[in-house]
Amino acid sequence: MSNTLIKICGVSTPDIAEKTAHTGANFIGLIFHPASSRYVTSMQAKDIVIATRNGGAEPVAVFVNQNADEMQQICEDANIKIIQLHGSPARQQHHLLPSHYQRIYVQPVTTNGRLLNINESGLSACDRTRDFLLFDSMTPGQGRLFNWQKFKYDNYFPWFLAGGLTIKNVTQAIQLLNPTAVDVSSAVESTPGKKDINLITQFITAVKNASLETKR
């Protein structure tokens, strides 16, 4: 297996973005959902994007209720090439975006590990040679787990595991499910919305160690 990719989501300052990237994250998520405590504006995103790339990672624009025009405008303003599609409006309209945007298409999973809406129309517009799926709990951003033992996916797309991952359980998650990537937010915060570089470093170290163990 290849090394597990790492996404730290909800980063809202250039300093944390650059340090997180230098520490080993592959992706830094910027949240463009005004209701989130991790929300950033397009203007704020510009400096975060520069810092992210300076550190060697790629920024990801996280959308919920935006339509295609709004998503494209934000990405053009902030110079972001990867989009994460959480809410139904974003998932339903992403096919209207130019094909050069890489998609991370979010699929909700019930507490007992059952996929929802896996055949919805937005998924058919995804390309497995370009895009990822991301499996998260029904309440994303709240750090809630779903049942990994009962969860099944056939790996048609490369995919992210999200929802309730922590420094303590990410090793088990990687060993059990072997995801392409893992995604964390609340577990690496000192307070809601405030990322802690020490917790981020511990999480990234745990992922890297788990990947090495799984390859043996």
Protein backbone atom coordinates (compact mmCIF):
# COMPACT_ATOMS: atom_id res chain seq x y z
CA MET A 1 0.00 0.00 0.00
CA SER A 2 1.10 3.60 -0.51
CA ASN A 3 1.44 6.07 2.32
CA THR A 4 -1.86 7.39 3.65
CA LEU A 5 -2.46 10.97 2.54
CA ILE A 6 -3.35 13.54 5.20
CA LYS A 7 -5.79 16.45 5.13
CA ILE A 8 -6.07 18.94 7.97
CA CYS A 9 -9.36 20.76 7.53
CA GLY A 10 -10.61 24.09 8.83
CA VAL A 11 -7.29 25.93 8.90
CA SER A 12 -7.90 29.66 9.11
CA THR A 13 -4.49 31.33 9.41
CA PRO A 14 -1.43 31.41 7.10
CA ASP A 15 0.96 30.58 9.96
CA ILE A 16 -0.81 27.35 10.91
CA ALA A 17 -1.26 26.46 7.23
CA GLU A 18 2.45 26.71 6.46
CA LYS A 19 3.53 24.91 9.63
CA THR A 20 0.98 22.14 9.00
CA ALA A 21 2.20 21.66 5.45
CA HIS A 22 5.85 21.56 6.55
CA THR A 23 4.92 18.97 9.17
CA GLY A 24 3.67 16.61 6.46
CA ALA A 25 0.06 17.32 5.55
CA ASN A 26 -0.79 16.83 1.89
CA PHE A 27 -3.93 18.96 1.89
CA ILE A 28 -5.14 21.97 3.88
CA GLY A 29 -8.90 22.55 3.96
CA LEU A 30 -10.32 26.08 3.89
CA ILE A 31 -13.98 26.30 4.84
CA PHE A 32 -16.19 28.72 2.91
CA HIS A 33 -19.33 28.05 4.94
CA PRO A 34 -20.31 31.17 6.94
CA ALA A 35 -22.02 29.15 9.68
CA SER A 36 -18.76 27.38 10.57
CA SER A 37 -16.44 28.55 13.34
CA ARG A 38 -13.63 27.84 10.84
CA TYR A 39 -15.05 30.07 8.09
CA VAL A 40 -12.68 32.14 5.97
CA THR A 41 -13.45 34.75 3.34
CA SER A 42 -11.99 34.74 -0.15
CA MET A 43 -9.72 37.61 0.87
CA GLN A 44 -8.41 35.74 3.91
CA ALA A 45 -7.99 32.59 1.83
CA LYS A 46 -5.46 34.17 -0.52
CA ASP A 47 -2.74 34.37 2.12
CA ILE A 48 -3.60 30.93 3.50
CA VAL A 49 -3.30 29.42 0.00
CA ILE A 50 0.13 31.00 -0.53
CA ALA A 51 1.32 29.74 2.86
CA THR A 52 -0.06 26.26 2.17
CA ARG A 53 1.84 25.95 -1.10
CA ASN A 54 4.98 27.43 0.46
CA GLY A 55 4.87 24.52 2.88
CA GLY A 56 4.42 21.94 0.12
CA ALA A 57 0.72 21.10 0.46
CA GLU A 58 -2.34 21.83 -1.66
CA PRO A 59 -5.30 23.94 -0.51
CA VAL A 60 -8.83 22.56 -0.70
CA ALA A 61 -11.93 24.78 -0.88
CA VAL A 62 -14.72 23.27 1.24
CA PHE A 63 -18.22 24.17 0.02
CA VAL A 64 -21.70 23.49 1.41
CA ASN A 65 -24.46 25.70 0.02
CA GLN A 66 -22.71 27.45 -2.86
CA ASN A 67 -23.80 27.04 -6.46
CA ALA A 68 -21.40 26.46 -9.35
CA ASP A 69 -20.87 30.16 -10.12
CA GLU A 70 -20.12 30.96 -6.49
CA MET A 71 -17.71 28.06 -6.14
CA GLN A 72 -15.83 28.99 -9.28
CA GLN A 73 -15.57 32.65 -8.29
CA ILE A 74 -14.14 31.78 -4.87
CA CYS A 75 -11.64 29.34 -6.39
CA GLU A 76 -10.52 31.85 -9.00
CA ASP A 77 -10.17 34.61 -6.39
CA ALA A 78 -8.15 32.42 -4.02
CA ASN A 79 -6.30 30.34 -6.67
CA ILE A 80 -7.59 26.98 -5.45
CA LYS A 81 -7.75 23.92 -7.73
CA ILE A 82 -9.34 21.31 -5.44
CA ILE A 83 -12.94 21.53 -4.21
CA GLN A 84 -14.67 19.57 -1.45
CA LEU A 85 -18.41 19.16 -1.92
CA HIS A 86 -20.37 18.81 1.32
CA GLY A 87 -23.91 20.13 0.93
CA SER A 88 -26.49 19.09 -1.63
CA PRO A 89 -26.29 22.39 -3.60
CA ALA A 90 -22.54 22.02 -4.07
CA ARG A 91 -22.76 18.30 -4.90
CA GLN A 92 -25.59 18.82 -7.38
CA GLN A 93 -23.94 21.69 -9.27
CA HIS A 94 -20.29 20.67 -9.45
CA HIS A 95 -20.81 19.17 -12.93
CA LEU A 96 -21.18 22.75 -14.20
CA LEU A 97 -17.62 23.58 -13.15
CA PRO A 98 -14.62 23.27 -15.49
CA SER A 99 -13.10 19.80 -15.56
CA HIS A 100 -9.70 20.97 -14.31
CA TYR A 101 -11.05 21.26 -10.77
CA GLN A 102 -10.33 18.14 -8.76
CA ARG A 103 -13.30 17.07 -6.66
CA ILE A 104 -13.54 15.58 -3.17
CA TYR A 105 -17.15 14.41 -3.16
CA VAL A 106 -18.60 13.88 0.31
CA GLN A 107 -20.83 10.90 1.00
CA PRO A 108 -22.64 10.75 4.36
CA VAL A 109 -22.50 7.57 6.42
CA THR A 110 -25.00 6.63 9.12
CA THR A 111 -23.87 5.82 12.65
CA ASN A 112 -24.13 2.09 11.87
CA GLY A 113 -21.81 2.41 8.87
CA ARG A 114 -24.38 2.49 6.04
CA LEU A 115 -23.76 4.71 2.99
CA LEU A 116 -26.46 7.17 1.99
CA ASN A 117 -27.23 8.49 -1.51
CA ILE A 118 -24.34 6.61 -3.09
CA ASN A 119 -26.13 6.70 -6.47
CA GLU A 120 -27.20 10.36 -6.46
CA SER A 121 -26.73 12.22 -9.74
CA GLY A 122 -23.81 14.37 -8.58
CA LEU A 123 -21.66 11.30 -8.10
CA SER A 124 -22.09 10.28 -11.73
CA ALA A 125 -20.31 13.50 -12.75
CA CYS A 126 -17.19 12.50 -10.80
CA ASP A 127 -14.18 10.94 -12.51
CA ARG A 128 -12.30 8.21 -10.66
CA THR A 129 -9.05 9.15 -12.46
CA ARG A 130 -9.30 12.71 -11.10
CA ASP A 131 -11.56 12.79 -8.04
CA PHE A 132 -11.89 11.41 -4.51
CA LEU A 133 -14.82 10.41 -2.39
CA LEU A 134 -14.91 11.39 1.27
CA PHE A 135 -16.92 9.37 3.79
CA ASP A 136 -18.05 11.32 6.84
CA SER A 137 -20.67 11.07 9.55
CA MET A 138 -24.13 12.56 9.16
CA THR A 139 -23.00 15.64 11.13
CA PRO A 140 -19.69 16.67 9.52
CA GLY A 141 -17.30 18.83 11.46
CA GLN A 142 -18.56 17.57 14.82
CA GLY A 143 -15.96 14.85 15.31
CA ARG A 144 -18.50 12.02 15.34
CA LEU A 145 -17.61 8.44 14.45
CA PHE A 146 -19.55 5.94 12.39
CA ASN A 147 -19.19 2.17 12.74
CA TRP A 148 -15.97 1.28 10.91
CA GLN A 149 -16.47 -2.46 11.36
CA LYS A 150 -19.74 -2.38 9.43
CA PHE A 151 -18.60 0.13 6.81
CA LYS A 152 -17.86 -1.31 3.36
CA TYR A 153 -16.59 0.33 0.18
CA ASP A 154 -15.24 -1.36 -2.95
CA ASN A 155 -12.49 1.20 -3.70
CA TYR A 156 -13.88 2.21 -7.10
CA PHE A 157 -12.68 5.73 -6.25
CA PRO A 158 -9.72 6.70 -4.09
CA TRP A 159 -11.22 7.91 -0.84
CA PHE A 160 -10.88 9.90 2.37
CA LEU A 161 -12.00 8.75 5.79
CA ALA A 162 -13.38 11.51 8.04
CA GLY A 163 -15.58 11.80 11.09
CA GLY A 164 -14.30 11.34 14.62
CA LEU A 165 -10.67 10.61 13.79
CA THR A 166 -8.24 11.38 16.62
CA ILE A 167 -4.60 10.90 17.50
CA LYS A 168 -5.62 7.83 19.50
CA ASN A 169 -7.81 6.04 16.95
CA VAL A 170 -6.34 6.92 13.56
CA THR A 171 -3.94 3.95 13.65
CA GLN A 172 -6.85 1.56 14.11
CA ALA A 173 -8.76 3.27 11.30
CA ILE A 174 -5.89 2.91 8.84
CA GLN A 175 -5.23 -0.71 9.77
CA LEU A 176 -8.90 -1.64 9.53
CA LEU A 177 -10.02 0.29 6.43
CA ASN A 178 -6.84 1.25 4.54
CA PRO A 179 -8.24 4.56 3.21
CA THR A 180 -6.39 6.53 0.56
CA ALA A 181 -6.42 9.53 2.88
CA VAL A 182 -7.59 10.68 6.31
CA ASP A 183 -9.22 13.99 7.17
CA VAL A 184 -9.28 15.63 10.61
CA SER A 185 -10.42 18.95 12.04
CA SER A 186 -11.87 19.18 15.56
CA ALA A 187 -9.45 16.65 17.10
CA VAL A 188 -6.48 18.92 16.36
CA GLU A 189 -7.97 22.06 17.92
CA SER A 190 -7.29 23.56 21.34
CA THR A 191 -10.72 25.25 21.25
CA PRO A 192 -13.44 25.10 18.58
CA GLY A 193 -12.08 26.66 15.41
CA LYS A 194 -8.54 27.18 16.72
CA LYS A 195 -5.96 24.75 15.36
CA ASP A 196 -3.11 23.58 17.61
CA ILE A 197 0.13 22.82 15.77
CA ASN A 198 1.25 20.42 18.52
CA LEU A 199 -1.91 18.33 18.12
CA ILE A 200 -1.58 18.51 14.34
CA THR A 201 2.01 17.25 14.57
CA GLN A 202 0.96 14.36 16.82
CA PHE A 203 -1.83 13.39 14.41
CA ILE A 204 0.43 13.48 11.35
CA THR A 205 3.07 11.42 13.16
CA ALA A 206 0.45 8.83 14.11
CA VAL A 207 -0.73 8.55 10.49
CA LYS A 208 2.79 8.15 9.16
CA ASN A 209 3.64 5.51 11.74
CA ALA A 210 0.42 3.62 11.00
CA SER A 211 1.17 3.68 7.28
CA LEU A 212 4.61 2.21 7.88
CA GLU A 213 3.18 -0.54 10.11
CA THR A 214 0.51 -1.43 7.56
CA LYS A 215 3.09 -1.73 4.77
CA ARG A 216 5.13 -4.34 6.69
